[in-house]
Amino acid sequence: MTTRTLSLLAPSGRLTLGSHLGALRPMRERQGDAFYGIADLHALTTDHDPRLLRAHTDEMAALFLAVGLGDATLFRQSHVPTHAQLAYLLECVATTGELGRMIQYREKSRAGESTRASLMTYPALMAADILLYRTQSVPVGEDQKQHVELTRDLALRFNRRYGEVFVVPEVVTASDGSARVMDLLHPTRKMSKSADAAGSILLLDPPDVVRRKVARAVTDSDVGPDAVRRDREAKPGVTNLLAVLEALGGSADGLTTYGALKRAVTDAVVAELEPIQARYAELVRDPAQVAAAFGRGAERALAVTEPVLAAATAAIGL
């Protein structure tokens, strides 16, 4: 029996090399019964520019195809209305105490920032994303584990009070061996999708920009014969460059200087991005391909999720 795969990425910025190695490339290996979505509704939880959101969403859609996800079911979350509809039913099962304990909302509230109500309630939308597809397991990193645990709690509570509707997913710690790519200038934090992040390599960065960013990557003052080595604590910058190089099929064998390491990383990154960028350029010239793929995907996603929403709607008394 094929295991269904579900993954949604928020268009909160532009896709990076970190997004590719950590998410897109593993997604490409799992396309048997896969639903891959652009979580544009999640992007509304913070202040945003509507034109920029559309641009990021369109770019992400084309890049999904450019990296080779065409055999999966691709969709925009906002084009599958069952997501928002089930989210409201789950809000009616969740408590404010539960939602207020979610880390993103708690951190912003603690900082005294004015937050949108949707930032508090979006874990219910994330739960809807998962429960609609009857996925049995959800592989996540530590930063999303809390949300999937809430999803389990809501599914169990709903089933107990209103009848068995939802498959209760298991939380699986992501361990697919995908590369953990960090910021080139701040190697103790993840590569940001922000367009002005100087330490991030964007999937559409041209070769000269990649070269400049890698050249500026933080290393350290070690100049010994074993300077090029892994040490996450003492040498986070060098360790990050080595992780990128090896994830792209390269090897540090024979590299004894940081200059040589950076040249090898640059060559490997440019070689990886070249076919993606070429395919992206083709899709931009023929946007009907992207629209057709996501149109078919939205239809299939709706067909799969409508029975789940109908069952939940009837069970809760509507």
Protein backbone atom coordinates (compact mmCIF):
# COMPACT_ATOMS: atom_id res chain seq x y z
CA MET A 1 0.00 0.00 0.00
CA THR A 2 1.41 3.40 -0.99
CA THR A 3 1.91 5.82 1.88
CA ARG A 4 0.41 9.23 1.18
CA THR A 5 2.83 12.15 1.39
CA LEU A 6 1.74 15.68 2.26
CA SER A 7 3.84 18.82 2.42
CA LEU A 8 2.99 22.52 2.25
CA LEU A 9 5.44 25.41 1.98
CA ALA A 10 4.47 28.98 2.82
CA PRO A 11 5.32 31.69 0.25
CA SER A 12 6.67 33.95 2.98
CA GLY A 13 9.74 34.68 0.88
CA ARG A 14 11.76 33.31 -2.02
CA LEU A 15 12.93 29.70 -2.14
CA THR A 16 16.57 29.18 -1.19
CA LEU A 17 19.22 26.53 -1.57
CA GLY A 18 18.25 25.49 1.96
CA SER A 19 14.63 25.06 0.83
CA HIS A 20 15.82 22.94 -2.09
CA LEU A 21 18.16 20.62 -0.20
CA GLY A 22 16.05 20.40 2.94
CA ALA A 23 12.56 20.16 1.43
CA LEU A 24 12.15 20.21 -2.36
CA ARG A 25 14.71 17.58 -3.24
CA PRO A 26 13.36 15.08 -0.66
CA MET A 27 9.83 15.86 -1.92
CA ARG A 28 10.98 15.00 -5.45
CA GLU A 29 11.94 11.52 -4.24
CA ARG A 30 8.43 10.91 -2.84
CA GLN A 31 5.82 11.47 -5.57
CA GLY A 32 3.84 8.22 -5.59
CA ASP A 33 0.74 9.52 -3.77
CA ALA A 34 2.00 12.97 -2.89
CA PHE A 35 0.12 16.23 -2.31
CA TYR A 36 2.39 19.27 -2.35
CA GLY A 37 0.83 22.63 -1.66
CA ILE A 38 1.69 26.30 -1.47
CA ALA A 39 0.35 27.49 1.88
CA ASP A 40 -0.65 30.98 0.79
CA LEU A 41 -3.29 31.27 3.54
CA HIS A 42 -0.58 30.79 6.17
CA ALA A 43 1.28 33.74 4.68
CA LEU A 44 -1.58 36.04 5.75
CA THR A 45 -0.86 35.65 9.47
CA THR A 46 1.68 38.49 9.45
CA ASP A 47 1.85 41.88 7.77
CA HIS A 48 2.44 41.46 4.04
CA ASP A 49 2.33 43.22 0.69
CA PRO A 50 -0.40 41.59 -1.46
CA ARG A 51 1.54 42.13 -4.69
CA LEU A 52 4.66 40.58 -3.18
CA LEU A 53 2.67 37.63 -1.86
CA ARG A 54 1.26 36.96 -5.35
CA ALA A 55 4.74 37.26 -6.88
CA HIS A 56 6.25 34.85 -4.35
CA THR A 57 3.37 32.40 -4.85
CA ASP A 58 3.67 32.48 -8.65
CA GLU A 59 7.44 32.05 -8.45
CA MET A 60 7.11 29.14 -6.02
CA ALA A 61 4.54 27.43 -8.26
CA ALA A 62 6.87 27.56 -11.25
CA LEU A 63 9.82 26.39 -9.15
CA PHE A 64 7.83 23.37 -7.91
CA LEU A 65 7.68 22.25 -11.52
CA ALA A 66 11.21 23.40 -12.34
CA VAL A 67 12.74 21.21 -9.61
CA GLY A 68 10.79 18.17 -10.84
CA LEU A 69 7.65 17.83 -8.72
CA GLY A 70 5.35 17.42 -11.72
CA ASP A 71 4.37 13.84 -10.88
CA ALA A 72 2.82 14.92 -7.57
CA THR A 73 -0.55 16.63 -6.97
CA LEU A 74 0.30 20.33 -6.81
CA PHE A 75 -2.10 22.94 -5.46
CA ARG A 76 -2.47 26.36 -3.92
CA GLN A 77 -4.05 26.10 -0.48
CA SER A 78 -6.43 29.00 -1.15
CA HIS A 79 -7.73 27.23 -4.28
CA VAL A 80 -8.91 24.25 -2.20
CA PRO A 81 -11.63 25.76 0.03
CA THR A 82 -11.95 22.68 2.21
CA HIS A 83 -8.79 23.80 4.06
CA ALA A 84 -10.33 27.01 5.40
CA GLN A 85 -13.71 25.35 5.98
CA LEU A 86 -12.34 22.52 8.11
CA ALA A 87 -10.05 24.96 9.93
CA TYR A 88 -13.12 26.76 11.32
CA LEU A 89 -14.64 23.50 12.58
CA LEU A 90 -11.36 22.70 14.32
CA GLU A 91 -11.27 26.18 15.86
CA CYS A 92 -14.59 25.20 17.42
CA VAL A 93 -12.87 22.21 19.04
CA ALA A 94 -9.62 23.93 20.07
CA THR A 95 -9.28 26.13 23.17
CA THR A 96 -7.70 29.56 23.43
CA GLY A 97 -5.30 28.13 25.99
CA GLU A 98 -3.99 25.57 23.53
CA LEU A 99 -3.63 28.06 20.71
CA GLY A 100 -2.00 30.65 22.95
CA ARG A 101 0.71 28.17 23.91
CA MET A 102 1.92 27.74 20.34
CA ILE A 103 5.46 29.05 20.15
CA GLN A 104 5.12 31.57 17.27
CA TYR A 105 2.15 33.33 18.90
CA ARG A 106 3.67 33.16 22.37
CA GLU A 107 6.99 34.65 21.28
CA LYS A 108 5.41 37.58 19.44
CA SER A 109 2.99 38.26 22.29
CA ARG A 110 5.81 38.15 24.82
CA ALA A 111 7.73 40.69 22.74
CA GLY A 112 4.78 43.04 23.03
CA GLU A 113 4.07 42.99 19.29
CA SER A 114 0.57 43.53 17.97
CA THR A 115 -0.44 40.21 16.39
CA ARG A 116 -3.18 39.22 13.99
CA ALA A 117 -5.88 36.90 15.30
CA SER A 118 -4.96 34.52 12.49
CA LEU A 119 -1.50 34.03 14.01
CA MET A 120 -3.20 32.56 17.06
CA THR A 121 -5.65 30.41 15.12
CA TYR A 122 -3.45 29.25 12.24
CA PRO A 123 -2.47 26.01 14.04
CA ALA A 124 -6.10 24.96 13.46
CA LEU A 125 -5.58 25.60 9.75
CA MET A 126 -2.38 23.57 9.83
CA ALA A 127 -4.30 20.77 11.55
CA ALA A 128 -6.93 20.96 8.79
CA ASP A 129 -4.18 20.74 6.16
CA ILE A 130 -3.07 17.45 7.69
CA LEU A 131 -6.38 15.84 8.65
CA LEU A 132 -8.07 16.47 5.29
CA TYR A 133 -5.71 14.05 3.54
CA ARG A 134 -5.94 11.23 6.09
CA THR A 135 -2.18 11.04 6.36
CA GLN A 136 -1.05 8.40 8.86
CA SER A 137 2.30 9.96 9.72
CA VAL A 138 3.71 13.47 9.50
CA PRO A 139 7.51 13.84 9.35
CA VAL A 140 8.46 17.21 10.87
CA GLY A 141 11.42 19.03 12.32
CA GLU A 142 11.52 20.08 15.96
CA ASP A 143 10.14 23.54 15.13
CA GLN A 144 6.85 22.06 13.84
CA LYS A 145 6.47 19.13 16.23
CA GLN A 146 4.25 21.13 18.61
CA HIS A 147 1.76 21.85 15.82
CA VAL A 148 1.42 18.22 14.82
CA GLU A 149 0.94 17.23 18.45
CA LEU A 150 -1.92 19.76 18.61
CA THR A 151 -3.33 18.23 15.43
CA ARG A 152 -3.38 14.85 17.16
CA ASP A 153 -5.11 16.33 20.20
CA LEU A 154 -7.80 18.00 18.09
CA ALA A 155 -8.42 14.87 16.03
CA LEU A 156 -8.72 12.70 19.14
CA ARG A 157 -11.05 15.18 20.85
CA PHE A 158 -13.24 15.53 17.75
CA ASN A 159 -13.46 11.76 17.28
CA ARG A 160 -14.31 11.23 20.95
CA ARG A 161 -17.05 13.89 21.06
CA TYR A 162 -18.61 13.65 17.60
CA GLY A 163 -17.66 10.29 16.14
CA GLU A 164 -14.75 8.71 14.31
CA VAL A 165 -14.00 11.04 11.41
CA PHE A 166 -10.27 11.71 11.39
CA VAL A 167 -7.21 9.54 11.04
CA VAL A 168 -4.99 10.48 13.99
CA PRO A 169 -1.51 10.99 12.53
CA GLU A 170 1.69 9.88 14.17
CA VAL A 171 4.44 12.44 14.68
CA VAL A 172 7.64 11.30 13.00
CA THR A 173 10.86 13.20 13.47
CA ALA A 174 12.16 14.02 10.00
CA SER A 175 15.30 11.99 9.39
CA ASP A 176 15.59 11.63 5.63
CA GLY A 177 19.22 12.69 5.63
CA SER A 178 18.46 15.95 3.86
CA ALA A 179 21.01 18.67 4.27
CA ARG A 180 20.64 21.26 7.00
CA VAL A 181 21.80 24.42 5.26
CA MET A 182 22.56 27.44 7.40
CA ASP A 183 22.99 31.14 6.64
CA LEU A 184 26.37 31.83 5.03
CA LEU A 185 26.99 34.91 7.17
CA HIS A 186 25.33 33.63 10.34
CA PRO A 187 25.95 29.87 10.27
CA THR A 188 24.18 29.19 13.55
CA ARG A 189 20.76 30.03 12.06
CA LYS A 190 18.81 28.67 9.11
CA MET A 191 19.03 30.23 5.67
CA SER A 192 16.27 32.85 5.40
CA LYS A 193 13.80 33.18 2.51
CA SER A 194 13.98 36.96 2.78
CA ALA A 195 15.11 38.49 -0.52
CA ASP A 196 17.50 40.86 1.25
CA ALA A 197 19.24 38.14 3.30
CA ALA A 198 22.86 38.42 2.18
CA GLY A 199 23.67 35.01 3.63
CA SER A 200 20.98 33.18 1.64
CA ILE A 201 21.44 31.66 -1.81
CA LEU A 202 18.16 31.96 -3.70
CA LEU A 203 17.26 29.31 -6.25
CA LEU A 204 17.11 31.99 -8.93
CA ASP A 205 20.39 33.72 -8.03
CA PRO A 206 22.59 33.98 -11.16
CA PRO A 207 26.10 32.46 -11.03
CA ASP A 208 27.87 35.75 -10.31
CA VAL A 209 25.61 36.39 -7.31
CA VAL A 210 26.19 32.85 -6.02
CA ARG A 211 29.93 33.33 -6.38
CA ARG A 212 29.84 36.62 -4.48
CA LYS A 213 27.72 35.23 -1.65
CA VAL A 214 29.85 32.13 -1.18
CA ALA A 215 33.04 34.22 -1.30
CA ARG A 216 31.71 36.27 1.61
CA ALA A 217 30.70 33.22 3.66
CA VAL A 218 31.97 33.23 7.23
CA THR A 219 34.78 30.80 8.02
CA ASP A 220 37.40 31.40 10.77
CA SER A 221 41.07 32.25 11.26
CA ASP A 222 42.39 28.68 11.24
CA VAL A 223 45.07 28.20 8.55
CA GLY A 224 46.47 24.82 9.55
CA PRO A 225 46.61 21.74 7.29
CA ASP A 226 43.35 20.44 8.83
CA ALA A 227 41.51 23.76 8.67
CA VAL A 228 38.90 22.34 6.30
CA ARG A 229 37.07 20.02 8.66
CA ARG A 230 33.67 19.51 10.29
CA ASP A 231 33.17 20.97 13.75
CA ARG A 232 29.67 22.37 14.30
CA GLU A 233 30.64 24.10 17.56
CA ALA A 234 34.09 25.52 16.78
CA LYS A 235 33.78 25.91 12.99
CA PRO A 236 30.09 26.41 12.11
CA GLY A 237 30.81 28.32 8.89
CA VAL A 238 33.21 25.75 7.50
CA THR A 239 30.93 22.92 8.59
CA ASN A 240 28.05 24.56 6.74
CA LEU A 241 30.06 24.90 3.52
CA LEU A 242 31.11 21.26 3.77
CA ALA A 243 27.49 20.20 4.29
CA VAL A 244 26.44 22.07 1.15
CA LEU A 245 29.29 20.64 -0.90
CA GLU A 246 28.63 17.06 0.16
CA ALA A 247 24.84 17.40 -0.26
CA LEU A 248 25.51 18.40 -3.86
CA GLY A 249 27.67 15.36 -4.50
CA GLY A 250 31.05 17.04 -4.00
CA SER A 251 33.94 16.04 -1.80
CA ALA A 252 36.36 17.95 0.39
CA ASP A 253 39.16 15.48 -0.35
CA GLY A 254 42.29 17.41 -1.21
CA LEU A 255 40.86 20.78 -0.13
CA THR A 256 43.20 22.41 2.38
CA THR A 257 42.27 26.10 2.15
CA TYR A 258 39.06 28.01 2.58
CA GLY A 259 39.51 29.58 -0.85
CA ALA A 260 39.58 26.15 -2.48
CA LEU A 261 36.56 25.07 -0.44
CA LYS A 262 34.57 28.13 -1.50
CA ARG A 263 35.43 27.62 -5.16
CA ALA A 264 34.29 23.99 -4.95
CA VAL A 265 31.05 24.99 -3.23
CA THR A 266 30.38 27.71 -5.82
CA ASP A 267 30.90 25.30 -8.72
CA ALA A 268 28.63 22.69 -7.13
CA VAL A 269 25.85 25.19 -6.39
CA VAL A 270 25.94 26.73 -9.86
CA ALA A 271 25.82 23.27 -11.45
CA GLU A 272 22.81 22.31 -9.31
CA LEU A 273 20.88 25.49 -10.00
CA GLU A 274 21.57 25.76 -13.73
CA PRO A 275 18.99 23.19 -14.95
CA ILE A 276 16.41 24.45 -12.44
CA GLN A 277 16.82 28.01 -13.66
CA ALA A 278 16.69 26.93 -17.31
CA ARG A 279 13.44 25.03 -16.74
CA TYR A 280 12.02 27.94 -14.72
CA ALA A 281 12.74 30.32 -17.62
CA GLU A 282 10.80 28.00 -19.97
CA LEU A 283 7.83 27.95 -17.60
CA VAL A 284 7.82 31.73 -17.25
CA ARG A 285 7.58 31.98 -21.02
CA ASP A 286 4.66 29.52 -21.01
CA PRO A 287 2.74 30.12 -17.74
CA ALA A 288 -0.18 28.03 -19.02
CA GLN A 289 1.83 24.92 -18.09
CA VAL A 290 1.98 26.01 -14.47
CA ALA A 291 -1.68 27.02 -14.38
CA ALA A 292 -2.74 23.68 -15.87
CA ALA A 293 -0.68 21.62 -13.42
CA PHE A 294 -1.99 23.50 -10.39
CA GLY A 295 -5.53 23.51 -11.77
CA ARG A 296 -5.50 19.71 -12.08
CA GLY A 297 -3.96 19.46 -8.64
CA ALA A 298 -6.60 21.65 -7.01
CA GLU A 299 -9.37 19.52 -8.56
CA ARG A 300 -7.84 16.31 -7.24
CA ALA A 301 -7.14 17.81 -3.82
CA LEU A 302 -10.76 18.94 -3.60
CA ALA A 303 -12.04 15.51 -4.64
CA VAL A 304 -9.92 13.85 -1.94
CA THR A 305 -10.76 16.30 0.85
CA GLU A 306 -14.46 17.01 0.27
CA PRO A 307 -15.61 13.66 1.76
CA VAL A 308 -13.56 14.32 4.91
CA LEU A 309 -15.05 17.80 5.32
CA ALA A 310 -18.55 16.45 4.69
CA ALA A 311 -18.09 13.78 7.36
CA ALA A 312 -16.81 16.34 9.87
CA THR A 313 -19.60 18.79 9.06
CA ALA A 314 -22.28 16.17 9.58
CA ALA A 315 -20.67 14.82 12.74
CA ILE A 316 -20.45 18.21 14.42
CA GLY A 317 -24.14 18.86 13.80
CA LEU A 318 -24.37 21.07 10.72
